[in-house]
């Protein structure tokens, strides 16, 4: 009996967690394979990884290196983004690559039944996310996740995910609708979460579109449900929001629209070609249709040449968003942003981190991701 162990080095990553659940289900469907709760008794080890920022990348690397030292003769498979982002690291440490795209394709081919997100979250997601109702991921069995695409059409100058995942690869609308129709019993009265690196890029590779998907879901899925959209690149959001009928906007419970900066100058350096004011105007239009819609955004602070005033502009978003997640910029190998002049010093990043923590005391919407700069800033405060 072949035994496998599966876990995530980065439990904050929802897409990573979703992937691990599908890997687990695929393996459980193979005769002669058994899951174990400890790597000690496993013949093969599968680890989900993430490279969204330097902190998560380092955690992924350290987790894998520690496993290799502890189990030098075991097969360790690397799922998630690290295997594509740094194949030299994988090869040098004799790890095996788990091809997530082929496994997902196989799951669709076999028409694998979708499961409530709760079983995924209980195994792989961070406890803080599970406790936080504002994040809209809870232990209640009422969120039906479906991964609609991988990769994106964007080219952000700082992004390591793009290097790891590449261009958009969308699941056909027909296949998505089939899965939803087959699981109406799980969906009725609950939430459908459309999960992607960028929902706005969905369908561009096969002459379909995200608004088309939303309209088709509304037409084909007759039961009551609410929608969660996780993530929606702001430029695509601007180009698409008017294509979506009001009755669909009223069904949308939550959207994650990652602005990443409140400075149009910084956005140009990031190669994110939209105006913050245009995005906020569009959001205001949507709120008139659906006043109760929940909105989340992400902000990268300490980007090269960012001034203190440009940084502080982000705090004004508390009047618009229900959650603002701050992450400290760090250079990523192979990205254009790593060559931009005007790097912000570590001391200045720590000072800005302290300012975020002070704002967090006043506004419950503000959150900050834990990074090395974050930890050093806490030490400075103490």
Protein backbone atom coordinates (compact mmCIF):
# COMPACT_ATOMS: atom_id res chain seq x y z
CA UNK A 1 0.00 0.00 0.00
CA UNK A 2 1.55 3.31 -1.13
CA UNK A 3 1.02 6.10 1.41
CA UNK A 4 1.07 9.83 0.65
CA UNK A 5 1.18 12.95 2.81
CA UNK A 6 -0.13 16.29 1.51
CA UNK A 7 0.14 19.74 3.09
CA UNK A 8 0.61 23.44 2.31
CA UNK A 9 3.65 25.51 3.19
CA UNK A 10 1.52 28.65 2.67
CA UNK A 11 -1.98 28.27 4.19
CA UNK A 12 -2.93 31.89 3.34
CA UNK A 13 -3.12 31.04 -0.39
CA UNK A 14 -6.69 30.09 -1.34
CA UNK A 15 -5.77 28.94 -4.85
CA UNK A 16 -2.99 26.76 -3.42
CA UNK A 17 -5.45 25.25 -0.94
CA UNK A 18 -7.97 24.58 -3.69
CA UNK A 19 -5.30 22.83 -5.73
CA UNK A 20 -4.23 20.60 -2.83
CA UNK A 21 -7.77 19.42 -2.27
CA UNK A 22 -8.00 18.33 -5.90
CA UNK A 23 -4.64 16.56 -5.71
CA UNK A 24 -5.83 14.77 -2.60
CA UNK A 25 -9.12 13.69 -4.19
CA UNK A 26 -7.35 12.49 -7.33
CA UNK A 27 -4.92 10.35 -5.35
CA UNK A 28 -7.64 8.93 -3.14
CA UNK A 29 -9.40 7.72 -6.27
CA UNK A 30 -6.45 5.50 -7.20
CA UNK A 31 -6.51 1.94 -5.89
CA UNK A 32 -3.57 1.04 -3.70
CA UNK A 33 -2.91 4.58 -2.43
CA UNK A 34 -3.66 5.67 1.14
CA UNK A 35 -3.36 9.10 2.77
CA UNK A 36 -1.44 9.49 6.02
CA UNK A 37 -1.48 12.35 8.55
CA UNK A 38 2.28 12.42 9.03
CA UNK A 39 5.22 12.55 6.58
CA UNK A 40 7.02 10.01 8.76
CA UNK A 41 4.88 7.15 7.49
CA UNK A 42 4.45 8.49 3.93
CA UNK A 43 6.12 7.04 0.87
CA UNK A 44 5.58 10.26 -1.08
CA UNK A 45 5.19 13.82 0.24
CA UNK A 46 3.27 16.57 -1.59
CA UNK A 47 3.81 20.19 -0.56
CA UNK A 48 1.91 23.19 -1.88
CA UNK A 49 4.05 26.29 -2.40
CA UNK A 50 3.50 29.99 -3.07
CA UNK A 51 5.69 32.80 -4.43
CA UNK A 52 3.28 35.73 -4.19
CA UNK A 53 5.93 37.59 -2.18
CA UNK A 54 9.42 37.00 -0.86
CA UNK A 55 8.16 35.90 2.56
CA UNK A 56 5.93 33.15 1.18
CA UNK A 57 8.64 32.07 -1.24
CA UNK A 58 11.16 31.77 1.59
CA UNK A 59 8.70 29.78 3.71
CA UNK A 60 8.13 27.42 0.79
CA UNK A 61 11.87 26.93 0.26
CA UNK A 62 12.58 26.39 3.96
CA UNK A 63 9.75 23.88 4.27
CA UNK A 64 11.04 21.87 1.34
CA UNK A 65 14.69 21.99 2.44
CA UNK A 66 13.76 20.84 5.95
CA UNK A 67 11.76 17.95 4.51
CA UNK A 68 14.65 16.95 2.27
CA UNK A 69 17.06 16.96 5.23
CA UNK A 70 14.65 14.94 7.35
CA UNK A 71 13.66 12.50 4.61
CA UNK A 72 16.63 12.30 2.19
CA UNK A 73 15.35 9.16 0.46
CA UNK A 74 11.66 10.02 0.08
CA UNK A 75 9.98 11.42 -3.00
CA UNK A 76 8.91 15.01 -2.33
CA UNK A 77 6.53 16.48 -4.91
CA UNK A 78 6.25 20.25 -5.23
CA UNK A 79 2.84 21.65 -6.13
CA UNK A 80 2.00 25.33 -6.59
CA UNK A 81 4.06 28.12 -8.08
CA UNK A 82 7.61 27.52 -6.84
CA UNK A 83 8.30 24.62 -9.20
CA UNK A 84 7.75 26.86 -12.25
CA UNK A 85 9.23 30.00 -10.72
CA UNK A 86 12.57 28.38 -9.82
CA UNK A 87 13.00 25.01 -11.56
CA UNK A 88 16.76 25.11 -10.80
CA UNK A 89 16.01 24.97 -7.05
CA UNK A 90 13.68 22.02 -7.60
CA UNK A 91 16.22 20.11 -9.68
CA UNK A 92 19.20 20.92 -7.45
CA UNK A 93 17.41 19.55 -4.38
CA UNK A 94 16.05 16.51 -6.24
CA UNK A 95 12.38 17.35 -5.77
CA UNK A 96 9.70 16.11 -8.14
CA UNK A 97 7.27 18.45 -9.89
CA UNK A 98 3.58 17.75 -9.55
CA UNK A 99 1.94 19.04 -12.75
CA UNK A 100 -1.13 20.77 -11.36
CA UNK A 101 -2.59 21.64 -14.76
CA UNK A 102 -2.65 18.04 -15.94
CA UNK A 103 -4.21 16.94 -12.64
CA UNK A 104 -6.89 19.62 -12.84
CA UNK A 105 -7.57 18.69 -16.45
CA UNK A 106 -7.92 15.06 -15.41
CA UNK A 107 -10.35 16.08 -12.69
CA UNK A 108 -12.51 17.88 -15.23
CA UNK A 109 -12.26 14.95 -17.66
CA UNK A 110 -13.44 12.54 -15.00
CA UNK A 111 -16.18 14.96 -13.98
CA UNK A 112 -15.10 14.89 -10.35
CA UNK A 113 -17.81 16.06 -7.98
CA UNK A 114 -17.14 19.42 -6.33
CA UNK A 115 -17.11 19.49 -2.54
CA UNK A 116 -17.99 22.19 0.00
CA UNK A 117 -15.02 24.46 0.66
CA UNK A 118 -15.20 23.69 4.40
CA UNK A 119 -13.38 20.36 3.99
CA UNK A 120 -10.59 22.17 2.13
CA UNK A 121 -10.35 24.99 4.64
CA UNK A 122 -10.28 22.69 7.64
CA UNK A 123 -7.21 20.92 6.22
CA UNK A 124 -5.14 23.53 4.49
CA UNK A 125 -6.21 27.10 5.26
CA UNK A 126 -4.90 29.34 7.99
CA UNK A 127 -6.94 29.41 11.20
CA UNK A 128 -7.07 33.22 11.24
CA UNK A 129 -8.72 33.25 7.81
CA UNK A 130 -11.27 30.72 9.04
CA UNK A 131 -12.15 32.80 12.09
CA UNK A 132 -12.40 36.07 10.21
CA UNK A 133 -15.96 36.58 8.96
CA UNK A 134 -14.90 39.67 6.98
CA UNK A 135 -12.80 37.42 4.80
CA UNK A 136 -15.94 35.44 3.95
CA UNK A 137 -14.25 32.08 4.35
CA UNK A 138 -15.67 30.27 7.34
CA UNK A 139 -16.15 26.75 8.65
CA UNK A 140 -19.79 26.84 7.60
CA UNK A 141 -20.51 24.50 4.69
CA UNK A 142 -21.89 27.23 2.47
CA UNK A 143 -19.14 28.18 0.01
CA UNK A 144 -18.83 26.27 -3.24
CA UNK A 145 -15.45 27.03 -4.84
CA UNK A 146 -14.79 26.57 -8.53
CA UNK A 147 -11.46 27.41 -10.15
CA UNK A 148 -12.33 29.02 -13.50
CA UNK A 149 -8.83 29.72 -14.86
CA UNK A 150 -5.07 29.73 -14.27
CA UNK A 151 -2.65 32.53 -15.15
CA UNK A 152 -3.64 35.93 -16.54
CA UNK A 153 -3.24 38.35 -19.46
CA UNK A 154 -1.58 41.04 -17.33
CA UNK A 155 2.13 41.90 -17.12
CA UNK A 156 2.69 43.56 -13.73
CA UNK A 157 6.33 44.57 -13.36
CA UNK A 158 6.72 43.11 -9.86
CA UNK A 159 4.79 39.85 -10.23
CA UNK A 160 6.41 36.46 -9.67
CA UNK A 161 3.09 34.65 -10.12
CA UNK A 162 3.06 35.61 -13.80
CA UNK A 163 6.51 34.07 -14.22
CA UNK A 164 5.31 30.90 -12.50
CA UNK A 165 1.90 30.51 -14.15
CA UNK A 166 2.20 32.29 -17.48
CA UNK A 167 -0.69 33.33 -19.71
CA UNK A 168 -4.38 32.68 -19.16
CA UNK A 169 -5.77 29.15 -19.43
CA UNK A 170 -9.53 29.16 -18.95
CA UNK A 171 -11.98 26.37 -18.28
CA UNK A 172 -14.72 26.49 -20.97
CA UNK A 173 -17.96 28.09 -19.78
CA UNK A 174 -19.85 24.96 -20.76
CA UNK A 175 -17.73 22.84 -18.40
CA UNK A 176 -18.19 25.30 -15.52
CA UNK A 177 -21.95 25.34 -16.01
CA UNK A 178 -22.04 21.54 -16.07
CA UNK A 179 -20.27 21.38 -12.73
CA UNK A 180 -22.61 23.94 -11.19
CA UNK A 181 -25.73 22.20 -12.50
CA UNK A 182 -24.55 18.86 -11.13
CA UNK A 183 -24.07 20.37 -7.68
CA UNK A 184 -27.19 22.50 -7.27
CA UNK A 185 -27.83 20.73 -3.97
CA UNK A 186 -24.58 22.23 -2.62
CA UNK A 187 -25.16 25.63 -4.19
CA UNK A 188 -28.82 26.27 -3.32
CA UNK A 189 -29.04 29.02 -0.71
CA UNK A 190 -25.26 29.28 -0.47
CA UNK A 191 -22.27 30.99 -2.12
CA UNK A 192 -20.49 30.27 -5.41
CA UNK A 193 -16.88 31.46 -5.31
CA UNK A 194 -15.33 32.05 -8.74
CA UNK A 195 -11.63 31.60 -8.09
CA UNK A 196 -8.83 32.68 -10.45
CA UNK A 197 -5.55 34.56 -10.56
CA UNK A 198 -7.62 37.16 -12.43
CA UNK A 199 -11.30 36.55 -13.16
CA UNK A 200 -11.21 39.45 -15.60
CA UNK A 201 -8.77 37.57 -17.84
CA UNK A 202 -11.10 34.59 -17.97
CA UNK A 203 -12.08 33.42 -21.44
CA UNK A 204 -9.75 35.66 -23.45
CA UNK A 205 -7.88 32.55 -24.61
CA UNK A 206 -10.99 30.88 -26.06
CA UNK A 207 -13.17 33.77 -27.26
CA UNK A 208 -15.28 33.89 -24.10
CA UNK A 209 -15.41 36.47 -21.32
CA UNK A 210 -16.04 36.86 -17.61
CA UNK A 211 -19.27 38.88 -18.08
CA UNK A 212 -20.45 36.11 -20.42
CA UNK A 213 -19.77 33.54 -17.70
CA UNK A 214 -21.73 35.54 -15.10
CA UNK A 215 -24.67 35.96 -17.46
CA UNK A 216 -24.65 32.25 -18.32
CA UNK A 217 -24.60 31.29 -14.62
CA UNK A 218 -27.59 33.55 -14.02
CA UNK A 219 -29.44 31.97 -16.94
CA UNK A 220 -28.64 28.32 -16.23
CA UNK A 221 -28.52 28.10 -12.42
CA UNK A 222 -32.07 28.68 -11.23
CA UNK A 223 -31.59 28.13 -7.49
CA UNK A 224 -30.85 30.93 -5.04
CA UNK A 225 -27.16 31.73 -4.51
CA UNK A 226 -24.71 34.58 -3.95
CA UNK A 227 -21.45 35.14 -5.85
CA UNK A 228 -17.92 35.69 -4.55
CA UNK A 229 -15.36 36.96 -7.09
CA UNK A 230 -11.75 36.33 -6.14
CA UNK A 231 -9.73 38.24 -7.82
CA UNK A 232 -10.68 40.86 -10.45
CA UNK A 233 -7.85 42.89 -12.00
CA UNK A 234 -8.90 46.58 -11.87
CA UNK A 235 -8.40 47.33 -15.58
CA UNK A 236 -10.56 44.37 -16.61
CA UNK A 237 -13.05 45.34 -13.93
CA UNK A 238 -13.29 48.83 -15.46
CA UNK A 239 -13.77 47.43 -18.96
CA UNK A 240 -16.32 44.82 -17.92
CA UNK A 241 -18.50 46.13 -15.09
CA UNK A 242 -20.97 47.89 -17.41
CA UNK A 243 -21.51 44.64 -19.34
CA UNK A 244 -23.00 43.00 -16.26
CA UNK A 245 -26.76 43.45 -15.71
CA UNK A 246 -28.04 44.95 -12.45
CA UNK A 247 -29.77 41.70 -11.43
CA UNK A 248 -26.37 39.97 -11.42
CA UNK A 249 -24.71 42.75 -9.41
CA UNK A 250 -27.40 42.23 -6.78
CA UNK A 251 -26.30 38.59 -6.46
CA UNK A 252 -22.64 39.46 -5.90
CA UNK A 253 -21.76 39.30 -2.22
CA UNK A 254 -18.01 39.93 -2.32
CA UNK A 255 -15.32 41.11 -4.78
CA UNK A 256 -11.56 41.25 -4.33
CA UNK A 257 -10.24 44.10 -6.54
CA UNK A 258 -6.49 44.48 -5.88
CA UNK A 259 -5.62 48.15 -6.52
CA UNK A 260 -2.02 47.67 -5.26
CA UNK A 261 -1.42 51.44 -5.07
CA UNK A 262 -3.36 54.70 -4.79
CA UNK A 263 -0.78 56.54 -6.91
CA UNK A 264 -1.27 56.57 -10.68
CA UNK A 265 2.46 57.22 -11.02
CA UNK A 266 3.34 54.08 -9.07
CA UNK A 267 0.73 52.10 -10.97
CA UNK A 268 2.49 53.01 -14.23
CA UNK A 269 5.76 51.72 -12.79
CA UNK A 270 3.90 48.56 -11.83
CA UNK A 271 2.61 48.34 -15.42
CA UNK A 272 -0.97 48.45 -14.16
CA UNK A 273 -2.56 50.85 -16.60
CA UNK A 274 -5.66 52.22 -14.92
CA UNK A 275 -6.65 55.26 -12.89
CA UNK A 276 -7.49 54.82 -9.22
CA UNK A 277 -10.21 57.47 -9.45
CA UNK A 278 -11.84 55.59 -12.36
CA UNK A 279 -11.92 52.38 -10.34
CA UNK A 280 -13.41 54.15 -7.32
CA UNK A 281 -16.05 55.80 -9.51
CA UNK A 282 -17.02 52.40 -10.90
CA UNK A 283 -17.25 50.98 -7.40
CA UNK A 284 -19.55 53.81 -6.36
CA UNK A 285 -21.79 53.01 -9.33
CA UNK A 286 -21.99 49.39 -8.23
CA UNK A 287 -22.75 50.31 -4.64
CA UNK A 288 -25.80 52.23 -5.85
CA UNK A 289 -27.09 48.95 -7.31
CA UNK A 290 -25.95 46.74 -4.42
CA UNK A 291 -25.27 48.82 -1.27
CA UNK A 292 -24.43 45.72 0.76
CA UNK A 293 -21.67 44.41 -1.50
CA UNK A 294 -18.42 43.57 0.34
CA UNK A 295 -15.16 44.83 -1.19
CA UNK A 296 -11.56 43.87 -0.51
CA UNK A 297 -8.36 45.30 -1.98
CA UNK A 298 -4.61 44.80 -1.69
CA UNK A 299 -1.92 47.47 -1.42
CA UNK A 300 1.82 47.02 -1.98
CA UNK A 301 3.79 49.57 0.04
CA UNK A 302 7.47 50.44 -0.23
CA UNK A 303 7.49 50.06 -4.03
CA UNK A 304 10.59 51.66 -5.59
CA UNK A 305 10.42 55.49 -5.55
CA UNK A 306 7.10 55.56 -3.64
CA UNK A 307 6.92 58.78 -1.59
CA UNK A 308 5.51 58.94 1.90
CA UNK A 309 2.54 60.95 0.63
CA UNK A 310 1.77 58.37 -2.07
CA UNK A 311 1.94 55.69 0.61
CA UNK A 312 -0.43 57.53 2.97
CA UNK A 313 -3.04 57.96 0.23
CA UNK A 314 -3.88 54.29 0.69
CA UNK A 315 -5.35 54.96 4.12
CA UNK A 316 -8.19 56.88 2.49
CA UNK A 317 -9.51 53.62 1.07
CA UNK A 318 -11.10 52.78 4.42
CA UNK A 319 -14.13 54.77 3.25
CA UNK A 320 -14.55 52.48 0.22
CA UNK A 321 -13.36 48.96 1.09
CA UNK A 322 -14.37 46.52 3.81
CA UNK A 323 -10.84 45.15 3.92
CA UNK A 324 -7.47 46.62 2.86
CA UNK A 325 -4.58 44.17 2.95
CA UNK A 326 -1.11 45.76 2.99
CA UNK A 327 1.96 43.85 1.81
CA UNK A 328 5.52 45.14 1.83
CA UNK A 329 7.29 45.23 -1.53
CA UNK A 330 10.36 43.07 -2.09
CA UNK A 331 12.40 42.53 -5.26
CA UNK A 332 11.58 39.28 -7.06
CA UNK A 333 14.02 37.48 -9.32
CA UNK A 334 13.28 37.96 -13.00
CA UNK A 335 10.86 40.88 -12.60
CA UNK A 336 11.27 44.31 -14.20
CA UNK A 337 10.48 46.06 -10.93
CA UNK A 338 13.65 44.64 -9.39
CA UNK A 339 15.62 46.96 -11.72
CA UNK A 340 13.65 50.14 -10.95
CA UNK A 341 15.72 52.80 -9.23
CA UNK A 342 14.77 54.49 -5.99
CA UNK A 343 14.59 51.47 -3.71
CA UNK A 344 12.99 52.17 -0.33
CA UNK A 345 15.36 51.43 2.57
CA UNK A 346 14.58 48.78 5.16
CA UNK A 347 14.34 51.43 7.89
CA UNK A 348 11.80 53.40 5.85
CA UNK A 349 9.78 50.25 5.16
CA UNK A 350 9.77 49.56 8.89
CA UNK A 351 8.60 53.11 9.59
CA UNK A 352 5.74 52.71 7.14
CA UNK A 353 4.86 49.34 8.65
CA UNK A 354 4.55 51.02 12.04
CA UNK A 355 2.24 53.65 10.49
CA UNK A 356 0.02 50.88 9.10
CA UNK A 357 -0.15 49.22 12.50
CA UNK A 358 -1.20 52.54 14.06
CA UNK A 359 -3.92 52.97 11.42
CA UNK A 360 -5.00 49.41 12.09
CA UNK A 361 -5.78 50.40 15.66
CA UNK A 362 -8.24 52.99 14.33
CA UNK A 363 -9.76 51.11 11.41
CA UNK A 364 -10.75 47.45 11.58
CA UNK A 365 -10.65 47.25 7.75
CA UNK A 366 -6.85 47.43 7.69
CA UNK A 367 -4.74 44.27 7.70
CA UNK A 368 -1.05 43.68 7.07
CA UNK A 369 0.67 40.52 5.87
CA UNK A 370 3.42 39.10 8.04
CA UNK A 371 6.82 39.60 6.46
CA UNK A 372 10.36 39.94 7.76
CA UNK A 373 9.87 43.73 7.75
CA UNK A 374 6.63 43.28 9.70
CA UNK A 375 8.37 41.16 12.36
CA UNK A 376 11.25 43.62 12.69
CA UNK A 377 8.77 46.49 13.03
CA UNK A 378 6.98 44.70 15.86
CA UNK A 379 10.32 44.28 17.61
CA UNK A 380 11.02 47.99 17.19
CA UNK A 381 7.61 48.88 18.66
CA UNK A 382 8.20 46.63 21.67
